[in-house]
Amino acid sequence: QVQVVESGGGLGQAGGSLRLSCVASGVTRCMYDMGWFRQSPGKERELVGHIVRGGSAVYTDSVKGRFTISKDNAKNTVSLQMNSLKSEDTAVYYCVGDLGSHFGVTVAAAFHFWGQGTQVTVSS
């Protein structure tokens, strides 16, 4: 049984930093595509960023230059380093993964494996 588990999160200060970590277990090969979604109350689920094996991370415009996604293919882990936090970063963050290529399709339904989510709250 494949499981995706996030850790980290919590309360952060505006302008400060938080780091989220995620591990996918129960897989016998590399998770090809891993990344992060987030969702705030009353807003649509949003792809924060993702990274494929052998590639570079791709981010949504609102977090470029502030967030960094790192992936360890051997361990099937991925992290989200969040710097220069803003109030609008407050959301539930979900770690996601998939064993195959989406050929550029990155909607939520394209990812087969999801974590339970972790709350990130940024205070001003």
C-alpha atoms as a PDB file:
ATOM      1  CA  GLN A   1       0.000   0.000   0.000  1.00  0.00           C
ATOM      2  CA  VAL A   2       1.474   3.320  -1.077  1.00  0.00           C
ATOM      3  CA  GLN A   3       1.403   6.019   1.570  1.00  0.00           C
ATOM      4  CA  VAL A   4       2.350   9.676   1.345  1.00  0.00           C
ATOM      5  CA  VAL A   5       3.002  11.424   4.641  1.00  0.00           C
ATOM      6  CA  GLU A   6       3.760  15.098   5.234  1.00  0.00           C
ATOM      7  CA  SER A   7       5.525  16.554   8.233  1.00  0.00           C
ATOM      8  CA  GLY A   8       6.269  20.065   9.361  1.00  0.00           C
ATOM      9  CA  GLY A   9       3.919  22.958   8.991  1.00  0.00           C
ATOM     10  CA  GLY A  10       2.459  24.954  11.812  1.00  0.00           C
ATOM     11  CA  LEU A  11       2.604  28.641  12.597  1.00  0.00           C
ATOM     12  CA  GLY A  12       5.027  30.944  10.837  1.00  0.00           C
ATOM     13  CA  GLN A  13       5.735  34.651  10.926  1.00  0.00           C
ATOM     14  CA  ALA A  14       5.296  36.933   7.944  1.00  0.00           C
ATOM     15  CA  GLY A  15       8.717  37.303   6.377  1.00  0.00           C
ATOM     16  CA  GLY A  16       9.921  34.143   8.085  1.00  0.00           C
ATOM     17  CA  SER A  17      10.457  30.572   6.945  1.00  0.00           C
ATOM     18  CA  LEU A  18       8.951  27.126   7.270  1.00  0.00           C
ATOM     19  CA  ARG A  19       9.977  23.781   5.826  1.00  0.00           C
ATOM     20  CA  LEU A  20       7.662  20.919   4.926  1.00  0.00           C
ATOM     21  CA  SER A  21       8.842  17.374   4.298  1.00  0.00           C
ATOM     22  CA  CYS A  22       7.167  14.410   2.646  1.00  0.00           C
ATOM     23  CA  VAL A  23       7.956  10.753   2.147  1.00  0.00           C
ATOM     24  CA  ALA A  24       6.274   8.219  -0.130  1.00  0.00           C
ATOM     25  CA  SER A  25       6.467   4.666   1.184  1.00  0.00           C
ATOM     26  CA  GLY A  26       5.323   1.299  -0.096  1.00  0.00           C
ATOM     27  CA  VAL A  27       6.688   1.892  -3.589  1.00  0.00           C
ATOM     28  CA  THR A  28       9.250  -0.324  -5.272  1.00  0.00           C
ATOM     29  CA  ARG A  29      10.534   2.278  -7.708  1.00  0.00           C
ATOM     30  CA  CYS A  30      11.123   5.979  -7.929  1.00  0.00           C
ATOM     31  CA  MET A  31       8.115   8.267  -7.727  1.00  0.00           C
ATOM     32  CA  TYR A  32       8.569  10.055 -11.038  1.00  0.00           C
ATOM     33  CA  ASP A  33       6.660  13.232 -10.191  1.00  0.00           C
ATOM     34  CA  MET A  34       6.282  14.746  -6.728  1.00  0.00           C
ATOM     35  CA  GLY A  35       5.111  18.139  -5.612  1.00  0.00           C
ATOM     36  CA  TRP A  36       2.798  20.221  -3.500  1.00  0.00           C
ATOM     37  CA  PHE A  37      -0.739  21.548  -3.715  1.00  0.00           C
ATOM     38  CA  ARG A  38      -2.371  23.958  -1.313  1.00  0.00           C
ATOM     39  CA  GLN A  39      -5.908  25.043  -0.545  1.00  0.00           C
ATOM     40  CA  SER A  40      -7.228  27.959   1.492  1.00  0.00           C
ATOM     41  CA  PRO A  41     -10.835  28.267   2.730  1.00  0.00           C
ATOM     42  CA  GLY A  42     -13.063  29.496  -0.073  1.00  0.00           C
ATOM     43  CA  LYS A  43     -10.361  29.116  -2.697  1.00  0.00           C
ATOM     44  CA  GLU A  44      -9.639  26.503  -5.330  1.00  0.00           C
ATOM     45  CA  ARG A  45      -6.933  23.928  -4.875  1.00  0.00           C
ATOM     46  CA  GLU A  46      -3.703  25.294  -6.336  1.00  0.00           C
ATOM     47  CA  LEU A  47      -0.526  23.625  -7.523  1.00  0.00           C
ATOM     48  CA  VAL A  48       2.378  25.192  -5.648  1.00  0.00           C
ATOM     49  CA  GLY A  49       5.037  23.372  -7.627  1.00  0.00           C
ATOM     50  CA  HIS A  50       6.350  19.985  -8.635  1.00  0.00           C
ATOM     51  CA  ILE A  51       9.490  18.267  -9.819  1.00  0.00           C
ATOM     52  CA  VAL A  52      10.036  15.218 -12.018  1.00  0.00           C
ATOM     53  CA  ARG A  53      12.933  12.795 -12.010  1.00  0.00           C
ATOM     54  CA  GLY A  54      15.888  14.323 -13.813  1.00  0.00           C
ATOM     55  CA  GLY A  55      14.212  17.702 -14.084  1.00  0.00           C
ATOM     56  CA  SER A  56      14.028  21.056 -12.371  1.00  0.00           C
ATOM     57  CA  ALA A  57      11.236  22.255 -10.135  1.00  0.00           C
ATOM     58  CA  VAL A  58       8.429  24.301 -11.644  1.00  0.00           C
ATOM     59  CA  TYR A  59       6.522  26.780  -9.490  1.00  0.00           C
ATOM     60  CA  THR A  60       3.394  28.854  -9.630  1.00  0.00           C
ATOM     61  CA  ASP A  61       4.144  32.540 -10.139  1.00  0.00           C
ATOM     62  CA  SER A  62       3.077  33.597  -6.650  1.00  0.00           C
ATOM     63  CA  VAL A  63       5.854  31.586  -4.963  1.00  0.00           C
ATOM     64  CA  LYS A  64       8.705  31.934  -7.453  1.00  0.00           C
ATOM     65  CA  GLY A  65      11.848  33.173  -5.766  1.00  0.00           C
ATOM     66  CA  ARG A  66      10.474  32.379  -2.309  1.00  0.00           C
ATOM     67  CA  PHE A  67       9.771  28.634  -2.265  1.00  0.00           C
ATOM     68  CA  THR A  68      12.117  25.802  -3.158  1.00  0.00           C
ATOM     69  CA  ILE A  69      11.194  22.185  -3.874  1.00  0.00           C
ATOM     70  CA  SER A  70      13.845  19.501  -3.484  1.00  0.00           C
ATOM     71  CA  LYS A  71      13.458  15.809  -4.322  1.00  0.00           C
ATOM     72  CA  ASP A  72      15.528  12.765  -3.430  1.00  0.00           C
ATOM     73  CA  ASN A  73      14.715  10.105  -6.010  1.00  0.00           C
ATOM     74  CA  ALA A  74      16.489   7.324  -4.130  1.00  0.00           C
ATOM     75  CA  LYS A  75      14.441   7.929  -0.983  1.00  0.00           C
ATOM     76  CA  ASN A  76      11.164   9.087  -2.575  1.00  0.00           C
ATOM     77  CA  THR A  77      11.160  12.201  -0.450  1.00  0.00           C
ATOM     78  CA  VAL A  78      10.368  15.779  -1.318  1.00  0.00           C
ATOM     79  CA  SER A  79      10.609  18.979   0.672  1.00  0.00           C
ATOM     80  CA  LEU A  80       9.139  22.451   0.405  1.00  0.00           C
ATOM     81  CA  GLN A  81      11.280  25.245   1.780  1.00  0.00           C
ATOM     82  CA  MET A  82       9.147  28.359   2.225  1.00  0.00           C
ATOM     83  CA  ASN A  83      10.927  31.667   2.711  1.00  0.00           C
ATOM     84  CA  SER A  84       9.650  35.239   2.890  1.00  0.00           C
ATOM     85  CA  LEU A  85       6.274  33.980   4.039  1.00  0.00           C
ATOM     86  CA  LYS A  86       3.170  36.034   3.335  1.00  0.00           C
ATOM     87  CA  SER A  87      -0.282  35.914   4.882  1.00  0.00           C
ATOM     88  CA  GLU A  88      -1.686  34.599   1.612  1.00  0.00           C
ATOM     89  CA  ASP A  89       0.502  31.504   1.990  1.00  0.00           C
ATOM     90  CA  THR A  90      -1.844  30.341   4.750  1.00  0.00           C
ATOM     91  CA  ALA A  91      -3.399  27.088   3.539  1.00  0.00           C
ATOM     92  CA  VAL A  92      -3.516  23.351   3.926  1.00  0.00           C
ATOM     93  CA  TYR A  93      -0.572  21.946   2.011  1.00  0.00           C
ATOM     94  CA  TYR A  94      -0.751  18.532   0.354  1.00  0.00           C
ATOM     95  CA  CYS A  95       2.149  16.426  -0.819  1.00  0.00           C
ATOM     96  CA  VAL A  96       1.404  14.624  -4.073  1.00  0.00           C
ATOM     97  CA  GLY A  97       3.126  12.026  -6.208  1.00  0.00           C
ATOM     98  CA  ASP A  98       2.747   9.913  -9.297  1.00  0.00           C
ATOM     99  CA  LEU A  99       4.684   7.089 -10.898  1.00  0.00           C
ATOM    100  CA  GLY A 100       4.187   8.254 -14.472  1.00  0.00           C
ATOM    101  CA  SER A 101       4.461  11.284 -16.677  1.00  0.00           C
ATOM    102  CA  HIS A 102       1.498  13.613 -17.098  1.00  0.00           C
ATOM    103  CA  PHE A 103       2.848  15.063 -20.336  1.00  0.00           C
ATOM    104  CA  GLY A 104       2.431  18.574 -18.977  1.00  0.00           C
ATOM    105  CA  VAL A 105      -0.943  18.010 -17.305  1.00  0.00           C
ATOM    106  CA  THR A 106      -0.729  19.064 -13.651  1.00  0.00           C
ATOM    107  CA  VAL A 107      -4.331  19.222 -12.450  1.00  0.00           C
ATOM    108  CA  ALA A 108      -5.025  17.600  -9.095  1.00  0.00           C
ATOM    109  CA  ALA A 109      -6.687  14.550 -10.657  1.00  0.00           C
ATOM    110  CA  ALA A 110      -3.484  13.726 -12.523  1.00  0.00           C
ATOM    111  CA  PHE A 111      -1.689  12.776  -9.294  1.00  0.00           C
ATOM    112  CA  HIS A 112      -2.589   9.347  -7.964  1.00  0.00           C
ATOM    113  CA  PHE A 113      -1.061   9.619  -4.497  1.00  0.00           C
ATOM    114  CA  TRP A 114      -1.904  12.271  -1.920  1.00  0.00           C
ATOM    115  CA  GLY A 115      -0.898  12.987   1.637  1.00  0.00           C
ATOM    116  CA  GLN A 116      -3.367  13.895   4.354  1.00  0.00           C
ATOM    117  CA  GLY A 117      -2.420  17.566   4.319  1.00  0.00           C
ATOM    118  CA  THR A 118      -0.707  19.793   6.842  1.00  0.00           C
ATOM    119  CA  GLN A 119      -1.846  23.217   7.992  1.00  0.00           C
ATOM    120  CA  VAL A 120       0.392  26.217   7.440  1.00  0.00           C
ATOM    121  CA  THR A 121      -0.674  29.459   9.099  1.00  0.00           C
ATOM    122  CA  VAL A 122       1.241  32.690   8.582  1.00  0.00           C
ATOM    123  CA  SER A 123       0.676  35.437  11.118  1.00  0.00           C
ATOM    124  CA  SER A 124       1.250  39.107  10.466  1.00  0.00           C
END
